[in-house]
Protein backbone atom coordinates (compact mmCIF):
# COMPACT_ATOMS: atom_id res chain seq x y z
CA UNK A 1 93.39 101.62 59.22
CA UNK A 2 95.46 99.39 61.55
CA UNK A 3 92.56 97.41 62.32
CA UNK A 4 92.50 95.87 59.14
CA UNK A 5 95.56 93.57 60.14
CA UNK A 6 94.39 92.43 63.33
CA UNK A 7 92.69 89.23 62.99
CA UNK A 8 89.99 86.86 65.05
CA UNK A 9 93.00 84.96 66.19
CA UNK A 10 94.92 88.02 67.38
CA UNK A 11 91.78 89.18 69.55
CA UNK A 12 91.77 85.52 70.90
CA UNK A 13 95.35 85.55 71.67
CA UNK A 14 95.09 88.86 73.51
CA UNK A 15 91.99 87.77 75.57
CA UNK A 16 93.82 84.76 76.89
CA UNK A 17 96.95 86.25 77.19
CA UNK A 18 95.46 88.97 79.77
CA UNK A 19 93.30 86.42 81.39
CA UNK A 20 96.29 84.14 82.12
CA UNK A 21 98.57 87.01 83.14
CA UNK A 22 95.94 88.66 85.84
CA UNK A 23 95.41 84.99 87.11
CA UNK A 24 99.42 84.77 87.59
CA UNK A 25 99.36 88.18 89.18
CA UNK A 26 96.93 87.62 91.81
CA UNK A 27 98.33 84.33 92.42
CA UNK A 28 101.83 85.53 93.05
CA UNK A 29 100.57 88.69 95.22
CA UNK A 30 98.52 85.96 97.27
CA UNK A 31 101.53 83.92 97.74
CA UNK A 32 103.60 86.89 98.86
CA UNK A 33 101.30 88.88 100.73
CA UNK A 34 103.12 87.57 104.14
CA UNK A 35 106.29 88.65 103.12
CA UNK A 36 104.66 92.29 101.93
CA UNK A 37 103.34 92.53 105.44
CA UNK A 38 106.76 92.07 107.27
CA UNK A 39 109.03 94.40 104.70
CA UNK A 40 106.64 96.96 103.93
CA UNK A 41 104.67 97.81 107.00
CA UNK A 42 105.72 101.58 107.63
CA UNK A 43 105.66 102.36 103.93
CA UNK A 44 101.89 104.16 104.57
CA UNK A 45 103.83 106.48 106.60
CA UNK A 46 106.28 107.21 103.90
CA UNK A 47 103.40 107.52 101.23
CA UNK A 48 101.67 110.15 104.03
CA UNK A 49 104.85 112.26 104.40
CA UNK A 50 105.31 112.61 100.49
CA UNK A 51 101.73 113.53 100.06
CA UNK A 52 101.90 116.03 102.79
CA UNK A 53 105.00 117.97 101.32
CA UNK A 54 103.58 117.71 97.97
CA UNK A 55 100.31 119.79 99.37
CA UNK A 56 102.59 122.23 101.50
CA UNK A 57 104.78 122.97 98.43
CA UNK A 58 101.80 123.50 96.42
CA UNK A 59 100.12 125.92 99.06
CA UNK A 60 103.60 127.85 99.38
CA UNK A 61 103.63 128.04 95.79
CA UNK A 62 100.07 129.66 95.70
CA UNK A 63 100.62 131.97 98.81
CA UNK A 64 103.95 133.26 97.68
């Protein structure tokens, strides 16, 4: 089995790495939040447009 070669040290390293990585991601996102509000303010409309387009394609594919 593959779990035979995974020691307790590997699991500890993975847990510490994951914890620190998530903390870093949260800190980085919080630091960049004002920039995101400025540059990506209209992206919700783009997302809604893409979802609507995909929905229309799905509907027309079922009808025709």
